[in-house]
Amino acid sequence: MVKSKKSKKQKDKKRKKKGNSLIVLIIAVLLIGAVVVVSKVKRGEPVKIIKAEVLAEFDGVESKAGKLNSPRGIAISNDNFLYVADLNNHRICKFTLDGKMVNAFGKKGNKEGEFNEPSGVATDNQNNIYVADAWNGRIQKFSSDGKYIMEIGGPKAGFYSPRNVAVNKYGVLFVADTGTSRVHRFDLEGNRIGKPVGGAGKALDKFLEVFSIAFDSKNNVYVSDVGNRRIVVLTSDLNPMYFIKIKVWNETPPLWPMIAIDSNDLLYVSSSGSKEIIVYNLKTKKPKYVGTIKLDVKDKPIFSDPLGIAIDKENNIYVSEVARSKILKIKPIFN
């Protein structure tokens, strides 16, 4: 009987030991799970994929002017034409919104109407065209049919490789001077407004390579600050307010990230390295991540290296694909 009691005690002890081991194992699993969750939170919000419908692809191949070659910045005019900075062809191409090329102007050079890597394009309320002529260090202004009007900036402005340009609804021209990490303002006759802001640095009023500029419905200014992996938000007078950290840019640094804002105050951010466009809602108290455009309605990848973005009056989205030398037209993601 004594032996039997002893055996019973030993069995109870073993069961207790196994029970303790099981508890330790469960705790360990929970701890590992917690680490994974923390790691996930540290990287940013879980990605919400917005499945988008591609309405058209076009590249000008059927036109007399010939196919696009490494298109960069794009813009849509008030009279509903799409302008493309066709970088390697050193020209600007004009398309209907259905994808038919109706004009192309410019060639490589440094004279009036010539370009050396046109990288960004914008239009004003009168449908004039402004081109960031990067390696000629200037902005050139043209009529809607491509006739040269004037030069803005140039050596006296201190530009070094201006890669993009934007015009707000009040007729103020903003220049993203990438090489000096500065943003400049001019009126549409080329007269400087105030002092440029920025310069290389990590502070809120500094940038590390600016590539794109957009405006929300309140006329606030959004600047893609690629070196600092963020979008900096400023007042119309270029006083910095806050920034939006683009975490995916840390993981997959993009080529020339560009931005656009639609009529619903949705901010679109291109990320060529991760082959996607990130969308934020600007109407909330703080910019809120809405989702990521990456797959089509058939779950197939849409982009190879998205770069320039433009939005038409119906909120269709136009994206320049650099390597494929195409423009994609995408159905509005929200009605």
C-alpha atoms as a PDB file:
ATOM      1  CA  MET A   1       0.000   0.000   0.000  1.00  0.00           C
ATOM      2  CA  VAL A   2       2.835   2.370   0.853  1.00  0.00           C
ATOM      3  CA  LYS A   3       4.420   1.637  -2.518  1.00  0.00           C
ATOM      4  CA  SER A   4       1.145   2.374  -4.253  1.00  0.00           C
ATOM      5  CA  LYS A   5       0.828   5.778  -2.507  1.00  0.00           C
ATOM      6  CA  LYS A   6       4.387   6.643  -3.485  1.00  0.00           C
ATOM      7  CA  SER A   7       3.686   5.744  -7.127  1.00  0.00           C
ATOM      8  CA  LYS A   8       0.574   7.888  -7.028  1.00  0.00           C
ATOM      9  CA  LYS A   9       2.567  10.851  -5.693  1.00  0.00           C
ATOM     10  CA  GLN A  10       5.198  10.396  -8.405  1.00  0.00           C
ATOM     11  CA  LYS A  11       2.500  10.324 -11.105  1.00  0.00           C
ATOM     12  CA  ASP A  12       0.878  13.472  -9.685  1.00  0.00           C
ATOM     13  CA  LYS A  13       4.282  15.168  -9.661  1.00  0.00           C
ATOM     14  CA  LYS A  14       4.877  14.224 -13.313  1.00  0.00           C
ATOM     15  CA  ARG A  15       1.413  15.471 -14.294  1.00  0.00           C
ATOM     16  CA  LYS A  16       2.108  18.759 -12.487  1.00  0.00           C
ATOM     17  CA  LYS A  17       5.452  19.045 -14.269  1.00  0.00           C
ATOM     18  CA  LYS A  18       3.819  18.408 -17.645  1.00  0.00           C
ATOM     19  CA  GLY A  19       1.095  20.910 -16.796  1.00  0.00           C
ATOM     20  CA  ASN A  20       3.686  23.515 -15.905  1.00  0.00           C
ATOM     21  CA  SER A  21       5.568  22.805 -19.134  1.00  0.00           C
ATOM     22  CA  LEU A  22       2.363  23.229 -21.103  1.00  0.00           C
ATOM     23  CA  ILE A  23       1.660  26.564 -19.404  1.00  0.00           C
ATOM     24  CA  VAL A  24       5.211  27.707 -20.153  1.00  0.00           C
ATOM     25  CA  LEU A  25       4.783  26.622 -23.786  1.00  0.00           C
ATOM     26  CA  ILE A  26       1.475  28.514 -24.117  1.00  0.00           C
ATOM     27  CA  ILE A  27       3.010  31.635 -22.565  1.00  0.00           C
ATOM     28  CA  ALA A  28       5.986  31.340 -24.931  1.00  0.00           C
ATOM     29  CA  VAL A  29       3.687  31.048 -27.937  1.00  0.00           C
ATOM     30  CA  LEU A  30       1.699  34.054 -26.763  1.00  0.00           C
ATOM     31  CA  LEU A  31       4.878  36.026 -26.245  1.00  0.00           C
ATOM     32  CA  ILE A  32       6.131  35.134 -29.719  1.00  0.00           C
ATOM     33  CA  GLY A  33       2.771  36.177 -31.129  1.00  0.00           C
ATOM     34  CA  ALA A  34       3.003  39.477 -29.290  1.00  0.00           C
ATOM     35  CA  VAL A  35       6.438  40.122 -30.761  1.00  0.00           C
ATOM     36  CA  VAL A  36       5.103  39.488 -34.240  1.00  0.00           C
ATOM     37  CA  VAL A  37       2.197  41.865 -33.672  1.00  0.00           C
ATOM     38  CA  VAL A  38       4.480  44.550 -32.263  1.00  0.00           C
ATOM     39  CA  SER A  39       6.795  44.101 -35.224  1.00  0.00           C
ATOM     40  CA  LYS A  40       3.835  44.446 -37.570  1.00  0.00           C
ATOM     41  CA  VAL A  41       2.655  47.605 -35.841  1.00  0.00           C
ATOM     42  CA  LYS A  42       6.176  49.004 -35.986  1.00  0.00           C
ATOM     43  CA  ARG A  43       6.193  48.615 -39.779  1.00  0.00           C
ATOM     44  CA  GLY A  44       2.904  50.454 -40.110  1.00  0.00           C
ATOM     45  CA  GLU A  45      -0.755  49.643 -40.594  1.00  0.00           C
ATOM     46  CA  PRO A  46      -1.657  46.367 -42.296  1.00  0.00           C
ATOM     47  CA  VAL A  47      -1.915  46.907 -46.038  1.00  0.00           C
ATOM     48  CA  LYS A  48      -5.451  47.260 -47.349  1.00  0.00           C
ATOM     49  CA  ILE A  49      -5.492  46.445 -51.054  1.00  0.00           C
ATOM     50  CA  ILE A  50      -7.816  48.513 -53.223  1.00  0.00           C
ATOM     51  CA  LYS A  51      -8.619  46.507 -56.346  1.00  0.00           C
ATOM     52  CA  ALA A  52      -8.709  48.901 -59.270  1.00  0.00           C
ATOM     53  CA  GLU A  53     -10.083  48.650 -62.788  1.00  0.00           C
ATOM     54  CA  VAL A  54      -7.692  49.627 -65.572  1.00  0.00           C
ATOM     55  CA  LEU A  55      -9.740  51.358 -68.271  1.00  0.00           C
ATOM     56  CA  ALA A  56      -6.981  51.899 -70.839  1.00  0.00           C
ATOM     57  CA  GLU A  57      -3.261  51.787 -71.571  1.00  0.00           C
ATOM     58  CA  PHE A  58      -1.629  54.025 -74.165  1.00  0.00           C
ATOM     59  CA  ASP A  59       1.859  54.973 -75.329  1.00  0.00           C
ATOM     60  CA  GLY A  60       1.481  56.934 -78.583  1.00  0.00           C
ATOM     61  CA  VAL A  61       2.854  54.091 -80.683  1.00  0.00           C
ATOM     62  CA  GLU A  62       0.172  54.621 -83.365  1.00  0.00           C
ATOM     63  CA  SER A  63       0.969  58.328 -83.772  1.00  0.00           C
ATOM     64  CA  LYS A  64       3.353  59.913 -86.277  1.00  0.00           C
ATOM     65  CA  ALA A  65       5.376  61.328 -83.392  1.00  0.00           C
ATOM     66  CA  GLY A  66       6.092  57.823 -82.115  1.00  0.00           C
ATOM     67  CA  LYS A  67       6.110  55.956 -78.830  1.00  0.00           C
ATOM     68  CA  LEU A  68       6.803  57.385 -75.392  1.00  0.00           C
ATOM     69  CA  ASN A  69      10.221  56.691 -73.887  1.00  0.00           C
ATOM     70  CA  SER A  70      10.427  56.802 -70.074  1.00  0.00           C
ATOM     71  CA  PRO A  71       7.487  59.128 -69.289  1.00  0.00           C
ATOM     72  CA  ARG A  72       7.717  60.967 -65.976  1.00  0.00           C
ATOM     73  CA  GLY A  73       5.466  63.796 -64.734  1.00  0.00           C
ATOM     74  CA  ILE A  74       1.944  64.136 -66.156  1.00  0.00           C
ATOM     75  CA  ALA A  75      -0.795  66.781 -65.870  1.00  0.00           C
ATOM     76  CA  ILE A  76      -4.374  67.347 -67.043  1.00  0.00           C
ATOM     77  CA  SER A  77      -5.525  70.728 -68.350  1.00  0.00           C
ATOM     78  CA  ASN A  78      -8.884  72.435 -67.813  1.00  0.00           C
ATOM     79  CA  ASP A  79      -9.790  71.631 -71.418  1.00  0.00           C
ATOM     80  CA  ASN A  80      -9.271  67.916 -70.745  1.00  0.00           C
ATOM     81  CA  PHE A  81      -5.951  67.061 -72.331  1.00  0.00           C
ATOM     82  CA  LEU A  82      -3.234  64.981 -70.737  1.00  0.00           C
ATOM     83  CA  TYR A  83       0.331  66.288 -70.992  1.00  0.00           C
ATOM     84  CA  VAL A  84       3.268  63.930 -70.535  1.00  0.00           C
ATOM     85  CA  ALA A  85       6.905  64.807 -69.830  1.00  0.00           C
ATOM     86  CA  ASP A  86       8.519  62.287 -72.202  1.00  0.00           C
ATOM     87  CA  LEU A  87      11.976  62.275 -70.626  1.00  0.00           C
ATOM     88  CA  ASN A  88      14.177  60.253 -72.973  1.00  0.00           C
ATOM     89  CA  ASN A  89      12.599  61.768 -76.093  1.00  0.00           C
ATOM     90  CA  HIS A  90      13.148  65.260 -74.618  1.00  0.00           C
ATOM     91  CA  ARG A  91       9.650  66.426 -75.513  1.00  0.00           C
ATOM     92  CA  ILE A  92       6.141  67.048 -74.205  1.00  0.00           C
ATOM     93  CA  CYS A  93       3.309  64.907 -75.567  1.00  0.00           C
ATOM     94  CA  LYS A  94      -0.352  65.916 -75.609  1.00  0.00           C
ATOM     95  CA  PHE A  95      -3.054  63.218 -75.444  1.00  0.00           C
ATOM     96  CA  THR A  96      -6.821  63.138 -75.330  1.00  0.00           C
ATOM     97  CA  LEU A  97      -8.097  61.485 -72.167  1.00  0.00           C
ATOM     98  CA  ASP A  98      -8.922  58.429 -74.288  1.00  0.00           C
ATOM     99  CA  GLY A  99      -5.258  58.034 -75.166  1.00  0.00           C
ATOM    100  CA  LYS A 100      -4.887  59.550 -78.631  1.00  0.00           C
ATOM    101  CA  MET A 101      -1.715  61.597 -79.116  1.00  0.00           C
ATOM    102  CA  VAL A 102      -2.614  64.905 -80.775  1.00  0.00           C
ATOM    103  CA  ASN A 103       0.649  66.833 -80.473  1.00  0.00           C
ATOM    104  CA  ALA A 104       4.268  66.547 -79.422  1.00  0.00           C
ATOM    105  CA  PHE A 105       6.814  69.340 -79.194  1.00  0.00           C
ATOM    106  CA  GLY A 106      10.442  69.769 -78.217  1.00  0.00           C
ATOM    107  CA  LYS A 107      13.759  68.056 -78.847  1.00  0.00           C
ATOM    108  CA  LYS A 108      17.065  67.723 -77.031  1.00  0.00           C
ATOM    109  CA  GLY A 109      18.944  70.998 -76.675  1.00  0.00           C
ATOM    110  CA  ASN A 110      19.219  74.177 -74.625  1.00  0.00           C
ATOM    111  CA  LYS A 111      17.560  76.725 -76.901  1.00  0.00           C
ATOM    112  CA  GLU A 112      14.030  78.085 -76.564  1.00  0.00           C
ATOM    113  CA  GLY A 113      11.542  75.233 -76.782  1.00  0.00           C
ATOM    114  CA  GLU A 114      14.232  72.565 -76.406  1.00  0.00           C
ATOM    115  CA  PHE A 115      14.720  70.305 -73.403  1.00  0.00           C
ATOM    116  CA  ASN A 116      17.310  68.294 -71.545  1.00  0.00           C
ATOM    117  CA  GLU A 117      15.283  65.746 -69.591  1.00  0.00           C
ATOM    118  CA  PRO A 118      11.842  67.326 -69.188  1.00  0.00           C
ATOM    119  CA  SER A 119      10.707  65.761 -65.934  1.00  0.00           C
ATOM    120  CA  GLY A 120       7.540  67.492 -64.781  1.00  0.00           C
ATOM    121  CA  VAL A 121       4.647  69.366 -66.370  1.00  0.00           C
ATOM    122  CA  ALA A 122       1.751  71.530 -65.168  1.00  0.00           C
ATOM    123  CA  THR A 123      -1.023  73.681 -66.645  1.00  0.00           C
ATOM    124  CA  ASP A 124      -2.726  76.892 -65.516  1.00  0.00           C
ATOM    125  CA  ASN A 125      -6.354  78.055 -65.738  1.00  0.00           C
ATOM    126  CA  GLN A 126      -5.751  79.346 -69.290  1.00  0.00           C
ATOM    127  CA  ASN A 127      -4.330  75.949 -70.341  1.00  0.00           C
ATOM    128  CA  ASN A 128      -0.777  77.239 -70.716  1.00  0.00           C
ATOM    129  CA  ILE A 129       1.871  74.588 -70.139  1.00  0.00           C
ATOM    130  CA  TYR A 130       4.818  74.746 -67.732  1.00  0.00           C
ATOM    131  CA  VAL A 131       7.697  72.301 -68.078  1.00  0.00           C
ATOM    132  CA  ALA A 132      10.428  71.470 -65.565  1.00  0.00           C
ATOM    133  CA  ASP A 133      13.430  71.327 -67.915  1.00  0.00           C
ATOM    134  CA  ALA A 134      15.733  69.570 -65.458  1.00  0.00           C
ATOM    135  CA  TRP A 135      19.263  69.705 -66.854  1.00  0.00           C
ATOM    136  CA  ASN A 136      18.773  73.095 -68.470  1.00  0.00           C
ATOM    137  CA  GLY A 137      17.920  74.319 -64.965  1.00  0.00           C
ATOM    138  CA  ARG A 138      14.769  76.195 -65.919  1.00  0.00           C
ATOM    139  CA  ILE A 139      11.001  76.204 -66.290  1.00  0.00           C
ATOM    140  CA  GLN A 140       9.643  76.839 -69.789  1.00  0.00           C
ATOM    141  CA  LYS A 141       6.157  78.188 -70.494  1.00  0.00           C
ATOM    142  CA  PHE A 142       4.185  77.285 -73.637  1.00  0.00           C
ATOM    143  CA  SER A 143       0.738  77.920 -75.068  1.00  0.00           C
ATOM    144  CA  SER A 144      -1.706  75.022 -75.216  1.00  0.00           C
ATOM    145  CA  ASP A 145      -0.606  74.247 -78.796  1.00  0.00           C
ATOM    146  CA  GLY A 146       3.061  74.050 -77.805  1.00  0.00           C
ATOM    147  CA  LYS A 147       4.299  77.498 -78.833  1.00  0.00           C
ATOM    148  CA  TYR A 148       7.126  78.849 -76.695  1.00  0.00           C
ATOM    149  CA  ILE A 149       6.207  81.828 -74.486  1.00  0.00           C
ATOM    150  CA  MET A 150       8.989  82.396 -71.977  1.00  0.00           C
ATOM    151  CA  GLU A 151      11.574  81.005 -69.575  1.00  0.00           C
ATOM    152  CA  ILE A 152      11.140  81.155 -65.807  1.00  0.00           C
ATOM    153  CA  GLY A 153      14.021  80.715 -63.416  1.00  0.00           C
ATOM    154  CA  GLY A 154      17.253  79.734 -65.092  1.00  0.00           C
ATOM    155  CA  PRO A 155      20.749  80.362 -63.654  1.00  0.00           C
ATOM    156  CA  LYS A 156      19.737  83.570 -61.830  1.00  0.00           C
ATOM    157  CA  ALA A 157      17.103  81.673 -59.844  1.00  0.00           C
ATOM    158  CA  GLY A 158      19.720  79.245 -58.554  1.00  0.00           C
ATOM    159  CA  PHE A 159      17.955  76.154 -59.911  1.00  0.00           C
ATOM    160  CA  TYR A 160      19.794  72.856 -60.025  1.00  0.00           C
ATOM    161  CA  SER A 161      17.845  70.092 -61.750  1.00  0.00           C
ATOM    162  CA  PRO A 162      14.244  71.213 -61.132  1.00  0.00           C
ATOM    163  CA  ARG A 163      12.257  68.010 -61.543  1.00  0.00           C
ATOM    164  CA  ASN A 164       8.684  69.194 -61.159  1.00  0.00           C
ATOM    165  CA  VAL A 165       6.337  72.134 -61.273  1.00  0.00           C
ATOM    166  CA  ALA A 166       2.756  72.832 -60.154  1.00  0.00           C
ATOM    167  CA  VAL A 167       0.260  75.699 -60.473  1.00  0.00           C
ATOM    168  CA  ASN A 168      -2.425  76.288 -57.840  1.00  0.00           C
ATOM    169  CA  LYS A 169      -5.946  77.593 -58.494  1.00  0.00           C
ATOM    170  CA  TYR A 170      -4.849  81.149 -57.701  1.00  0.00           C
ATOM    171  CA  GLY A 171      -2.215  81.187 -60.423  1.00  0.00           C
ATOM    172  CA  VAL A 172       0.894  80.703 -58.305  1.00  0.00           C
ATOM    173  CA  LEU A 173       3.662  78.603 -59.842  1.00  0.00           C
ATOM    174  CA  PHE A 174       5.558  76.258 -57.504  1.00  0.00           C
ATOM    175  CA  VAL A 175       8.881  74.704 -58.516  1.00  0.00           C
ATOM    176  CA  ALA A 176      10.380  71.567 -56.954  1.00  0.00           C
ATOM    177  CA  ASP A 177      14.107  72.205 -57.350  1.00  0.00           C
ATOM    178  CA  THR A 178      15.371  68.723 -56.635  1.00  0.00           C
ATOM    179  CA  GLY A 179      19.112  69.375 -56.688  1.00  0.00           C
ATOM    180  CA  THR A 180      18.972  72.096 -54.021  1.00  0.00           C
ATOM    181  CA  SER A 181      16.083  70.542 -52.069  1.00  0.00           C
ATOM    182  CA  ARG A 182      14.111  73.786 -52.276  1.00  0.00           C
ATOM    183  CA  VAL A 183      10.616  74.917 -53.278  1.00  0.00           C
ATOM    184  CA  HIS A 184      10.248  78.240 -55.128  1.00  0.00           C
ATOM    185  CA  ARG A 185       7.178  80.369 -55.955  1.00  0.00           C
ATOM    186  CA  PHE A 186       6.578  82.625 -58.970  1.00  0.00           C
ATOM    187  CA  ASP A 187       3.664  84.397 -60.559  1.00  0.00           C
ATOM    188  CA  LEU A 188       2.752  83.278 -64.080  1.00  0.00           C
ATOM    189  CA  GLU A 189       4.834  86.054 -65.629  1.00  0.00           C
ATOM    190  CA  GLY A 190       7.949  84.688 -63.967  1.00  0.00           C
ATOM    191  CA  ASN A 191       8.241  87.130 -61.053  1.00  0.00           C
ATOM    192  CA  ARG A 192       9.497  85.569 -57.849  1.00  0.00           C
ATOM    193  CA  ILE A 193       7.154  85.462 -54.843  1.00  0.00           C
ATOM    194  CA  GLY A 194       8.909  85.469 -51.477  1.00  0.00           C
ATOM    195  CA  LYS A 195      11.990  83.453 -50.674  1.00  0.00           C
ATOM    196  CA  PRO A 196      12.480  79.777 -51.517  1.00  0.00           C
ATOM    197  CA  VAL A 197      12.034  77.351 -48.637  1.00  0.00           C
ATOM    198  CA  GLY A 198      13.899  74.205 -47.747  1.00  0.00           C
ATOM    199  CA  GLY A 199      17.497  73.289 -48.296  1.00  0.00           C
ATOM    200  CA  ALA A 200      19.053  69.975 -47.312  1.00  0.00           C
ATOM    201  CA  GLY A 201      18.142  68.727 -43.851  1.00  0.00           C
ATOM    202  CA  LYS A 202      15.793  66.635 -41.713  1.00  0.00           C
ATOM    203  CA  ALA A 203      13.965  69.418 -39.841  1.00  0.00           C
ATOM    204  CA  LEU A 204      10.337  70.123 -40.748  1.00  0.00           C
ATOM    205  CA  ASP A 205      11.335  73.168 -42.815  1.00  0.00           C
ATOM    206  CA  LYS A 206      14.023  71.240 -44.715  1.00  0.00           C
ATOM    207  CA  PHE A 207      13.961  68.625 -47.479  1.00  0.00           C
ATOM    208  CA  LEU A 208      16.203  65.953 -48.955  1.00  0.00           C
ATOM    209  CA  GLU A 209      15.352  65.980 -52.659  1.00  0.00           C
ATOM    210  CA  VAL A 210      11.892  67.285 -53.537  1.00  0.00           C
ATOM    211  CA  PHE A 211      10.153  65.637 -56.472  1.00  0.00           C
ATOM    212  CA  SER A 212       6.497  66.590 -56.578  1.00  0.00           C
ATOM    213  CA  ILE A 213       3.992  69.202 -55.390  1.00  0.00           C
ATOM    214  CA  ALA A 214       0.191  69.060 -55.019  1.00  0.00           C
ATOM    215  CA  PHE A 215      -2.588  71.148 -53.436  1.00  0.00           C
ATOM    216  CA  ASP A 216      -5.642  70.215 -51.389  1.00  0.00           C
ATOM    217  CA  SER A 217      -9.035  71.976 -51.382  1.00  0.00           C
ATOM    218  CA  LYS A 218      -7.786  74.424 -48.720  1.00  0.00           C
ATOM    219  CA  ASN A 219      -4.804  75.330 -50.912  1.00  0.00           C
ATOM    220  CA  ASN A 220      -2.325  73.688 -48.547  1.00  0.00           C
ATOM    221  CA  VAL A 221       0.848  72.524 -50.275  1.00  0.00           C
ATOM    222  CA  TYR A 222       2.062  68.905 -50.238  1.00  0.00           C
ATOM    223  CA  VAL A 223       5.693  68.179 -51.112  1.00  0.00           C
ATOM    224  CA  SER A 224       7.195  64.719 -51.665  1.00  0.00           C
ATOM    225  CA  ASP A 225      10.437  64.724 -49.658  1.00  0.00           C
ATOM    226  CA  VAL A 226      11.979  61.473 -50.821  1.00  0.00           C
ATOM    227  CA  GLY A 227      15.243  61.555 -48.865  1.00  0.00           C
ATOM    228  CA  ASN A 228      13.346  61.941 -45.597  1.00  0.00           C
ATOM    229  CA  ARG A 229      10.755  59.363 -46.716  1.00  0.00           C
ATOM    230  CA  ARG A 230       7.805  61.678 -46.115  1.00  0.00           C
ATOM    231  CA  ILE A 231       5.252  64.119 -47.525  1.00  0.00           C
ATOM    232  CA  VAL A 232       5.633  67.566 -45.956  1.00  0.00           C
ATOM    233  CA  VAL A 233       2.473  69.670 -45.641  1.00  0.00           C
ATOM    234  CA  LEU A 234       2.798  73.464 -45.769  1.00  0.00           C
ATOM    235  CA  THR A 235       0.483  76.471 -45.920  1.00  0.00           C
ATOM    236  CA  SER A 236       0.094  78.287 -49.248  1.00  0.00           C
ATOM    237  CA  ASP A 237       2.775  80.708 -47.978  1.00  0.00           C
ATOM    238  CA  LEU A 238       5.108  77.725 -47.489  1.00  0.00           C
ATOM    239  CA  ASN A 239       5.038  77.644 -43.701  1.00  0.00           C
ATOM    240  CA  PRO A 240       5.511  73.986 -42.665  1.00  0.00           C
ATOM    241  CA  MET A 241       2.737  72.385 -40.595  1.00  0.00           C
ATOM    242  CA  TYR A 242       3.371  68.647 -40.330  1.00  0.00           C
ATOM    243  CA  PHE A 243       4.481  65.631 -42.335  1.00  0.00           C
ATOM    244  CA  ILE A 244       3.100  62.258 -43.386  1.00  0.00           C
ATOM    245  CA  LYS A 245       5.644  59.468 -43.007  1.00  0.00           C
ATOM    246  CA  ILE A 246       5.591  57.062 -45.973  1.00  0.00           C
ATOM    247  CA  LYS A 247       6.906  53.916 -44.315  1.00  0.00           C
ATOM    248  CA  VAL A 248       7.004  51.767 -47.429  1.00  0.00           C
ATOM    249  CA  TRP A 249       9.615  54.162 -48.860  1.00  0.00           C
ATOM    250  CA  ASN A 250      11.995  52.984 -46.113  1.00  0.00           C
ATOM    251  CA  GLU A 251      11.641  49.379 -47.222  1.00  0.00           C
ATOM    252  CA  THR A 252      11.685  49.961 -50.976  1.00  0.00           C
ATOM    253  CA  PRO A 253      13.101  53.399 -51.857  1.00  0.00           C
ATOM    254  CA  PRO A 254      11.165  54.800 -54.827  1.00  0.00           C
ATOM    255  CA  LEU A 255      12.320  56.418 -58.042  1.00  0.00           C
ATOM    256  CA  TRP A 256      11.089  60.023 -58.220  1.00  0.00           C
ATOM    257  CA  PRO A 257       7.944  59.637 -56.078  1.00  0.00           C
ATOM    258  CA  MET A 258       5.104  61.845 -57.263  1.00  0.00           C
ATOM    259  CA  ILE A 259       1.778  62.809 -55.739  1.00  0.00           C
ATOM    260  CA  ALA A 260      -1.690  64.045 -56.727  1.00  0.00           C
ATOM    261  CA  ILE A 261      -4.869  65.063 -54.884  1.00  0.00           C
ATOM    262  CA  ASP A 262      -8.374  64.499 -56.259  1.00  0.00           C
ATOM    263  CA  SER A 263     -11.597  66.486 -55.778  1.00  0.00           C
ATOM    264  CA  ASN A 264     -12.465  64.407 -52.697  1.00  0.00           C
ATOM    265  CA  ASP A 265      -9.182  65.372 -51.024  1.00  0.00           C
ATOM    266  CA  LEU A 266      -7.714  61.923 -51.462  1.00  0.00           C
ATOM    267  CA  LEU A 267      -3.924  62.005 -51.666  1.00  0.00           C
ATOM    268  CA  TYR A 268      -2.276  59.558 -54.091  1.00  0.00           C
ATOM    269  CA  VAL A 269       1.408  58.720 -53.521  1.00  0.00           C
ATOM    270  CA  SER A 270       3.417  56.722 -56.060  1.00  0.00           C
ATOM    271  CA  SER A 271       5.893  54.141 -54.788  1.00  0.00           C
ATOM    272  CA  SER A 272       7.762  52.658 -57.734  1.00  0.00           C
ATOM    273  CA  GLY A 273       9.957  50.396 -55.605  1.00  0.00           C
ATOM    274  CA  SER A 274       6.964  48.569 -54.131  1.00  0.00           C
ATOM    275  CA  LYS A 275       4.947  48.848 -57.375  1.00  0.00           C
ATOM    276  CA  GLU A 276       1.935  50.535 -55.823  1.00  0.00           C
ATOM    277  CA  ILE A 277       0.071  53.767 -55.153  1.00  0.00           C
ATOM    278  CA  ILE A 278      -0.792  54.608 -51.556  1.00  0.00           C
ATOM    279  CA  VAL A 279      -3.979  56.559 -50.806  1.00  0.00           C
ATOM    280  CA  TYR A 280      -4.704  58.851 -47.838  1.00  0.00           C
ATOM    281  CA  ASN A 281      -7.865  60.712 -46.833  1.00  0.00           C
ATOM    282  CA  LEU A 282      -7.031  64.363 -46.112  1.00  0.00           C
ATOM    283  CA  LYS A 283     -10.483  65.300 -44.802  1.00  0.00           C
ATOM    284  CA  THR A 284      -9.948  63.556 -41.476  1.00  0.00           C
ATOM    285  CA  LYS A 285      -8.341  65.374 -38.524  1.00  0.00           C
ATOM    286  CA  LYS A 286      -5.063  63.678 -39.379  1.00  0.00           C
ATOM    287  CA  PRO A 287      -4.357  62.191 -42.827  1.00  0.00           C
ATOM    288  CA  LYS A 288      -5.744  58.660 -42.700  1.00  0.00           C
ATOM    289  CA  TYR A 289      -4.464  55.691 -44.675  1.00  0.00           C
ATOM    290  CA  VAL A 290      -7.266  54.505 -46.965  1.00  0.00           C
ATOM    291  CA  GLY A 291      -5.599  51.715 -48.894  1.00  0.00           C
ATOM    292  CA  THR A 292      -3.105  50.707 -51.543  1.00  0.00           C
ATOM    293  CA  ILE A 293      -3.729  50.411 -55.281  1.00  0.00           C
ATOM    294  CA  LYS A 294      -1.729  47.400 -56.368  1.00  0.00           C
ATOM    295  CA  LEU A 295      -3.968  44.739 -57.915  1.00  0.00           C
ATOM    296  CA  ASP A 296      -6.667  44.839 -60.569  1.00  0.00           C
ATOM    297  CA  VAL A 297     -10.125  43.316 -60.249  1.00  0.00           C
ATOM    298  CA  LYS A 298      -8.684  39.950 -61.362  1.00  0.00           C
ATOM    299  CA  ASP A 299      -6.019  40.037 -58.631  1.00  0.00           C
ATOM    300  CA  LYS A 300      -3.216  40.695 -61.103  1.00  0.00           C
ATOM    301  CA  PRO A 301      -0.487  43.277 -60.397  1.00  0.00           C
ATOM    302  CA  ILE A 302      -1.221  46.592 -62.113  1.00  0.00           C
ATOM    303  CA  PHE A 303       2.134  48.360 -62.006  1.00  0.00           C
ATOM    304  CA  SER A 304       5.776  47.707 -62.798  1.00  0.00           C
ATOM    305  CA  ASP A 305       7.128  51.117 -61.717  1.00  0.00           C
ATOM    306  CA  PRO A 306       4.413  53.766 -61.268  1.00  0.00           C
ATOM    307  CA  LEU A 307       5.643  57.342 -61.150  1.00  0.00           C
ATOM    308  CA  GLY A 308       3.638  60.367 -62.385  1.00  0.00           C
ATOM    309  CA  ILE A 309       0.010  60.733 -61.266  1.00  0.00           C
ATOM    310  CA  ALA A 310      -2.791  62.976 -62.536  1.00  0.00           C
ATOM    311  CA  ILE A 311      -6.522  63.036 -61.739  1.00  0.00           C
ATOM    312  CA  ASP A 312      -9.232  64.244 -64.129  1.00  0.00           C
ATOM    313  CA  LYS A 313     -12.521  65.992 -63.264  1.00  0.00           C
ATOM    314  CA  GLU A 314     -14.284  62.649 -62.876  1.00  0.00           C
ATOM    315  CA  ASN A 315     -11.519  61.355 -60.584  1.00  0.00           C
ATOM    316  CA  ASN A 316     -10.155  58.884 -63.111  1.00  0.00           C
ATOM    317  CA  ILE A 317      -6.515  58.233 -62.229  1.00  0.00           C
ATOM    318  CA  TYR A 318      -3.698  58.448 -64.796  1.00  0.00           C
ATOM    319  CA  VAL A 319      -0.310  56.923 -64.007  1.00  0.00           C
ATOM    320  CA  SER A 320       2.947  56.980 -65.961  1.00  0.00           C
ATOM    321  CA  GLU A 321       4.788  53.666 -66.078  1.00  0.00           C
ATOM    322  CA  VAL A 322       8.489  54.370 -66.605  1.00  0.00           C
ATOM    323  CA  ALA A 323       9.975  51.047 -67.738  1.00  0.00           C
ATOM    324  CA  ARG A 324       6.988  50.047 -69.873  1.00  0.00           C
ATOM    325  CA  SER A 325       6.732  53.602 -71.269  1.00  0.00           C
ATOM    326  CA  LYS A 326       2.951  53.634 -70.971  1.00  0.00           C
ATOM    327  CA  ILE A 327       0.195  55.692 -69.402  1.00  0.00           C
ATOM    328  CA  LEU A 328      -2.486  53.778 -67.475  1.00  0.00           C
ATOM    329  CA  LYS A 329      -6.004  55.123 -67.018  1.00  0.00           C
ATOM    330  CA  ILE A 330      -7.697  53.743 -63.905  1.00  0.00           C
ATOM    331  CA  LYS A 331     -11.348  53.970 -62.901  1.00  0.00           C
ATOM    332  CA  PRO A 332     -12.085  56.113 -59.798  1.00  0.00           C
ATOM    333  CA  ILE A 333     -11.588  54.039 -56.665  1.00  0.00           C
ATOM    334  CA  PHE A 334     -14.516  55.746 -54.898  1.00  0.00           C
ATOM    335  CA  ASN A 335     -17.689  57.314 -56.291  1.00  0.00           C
END
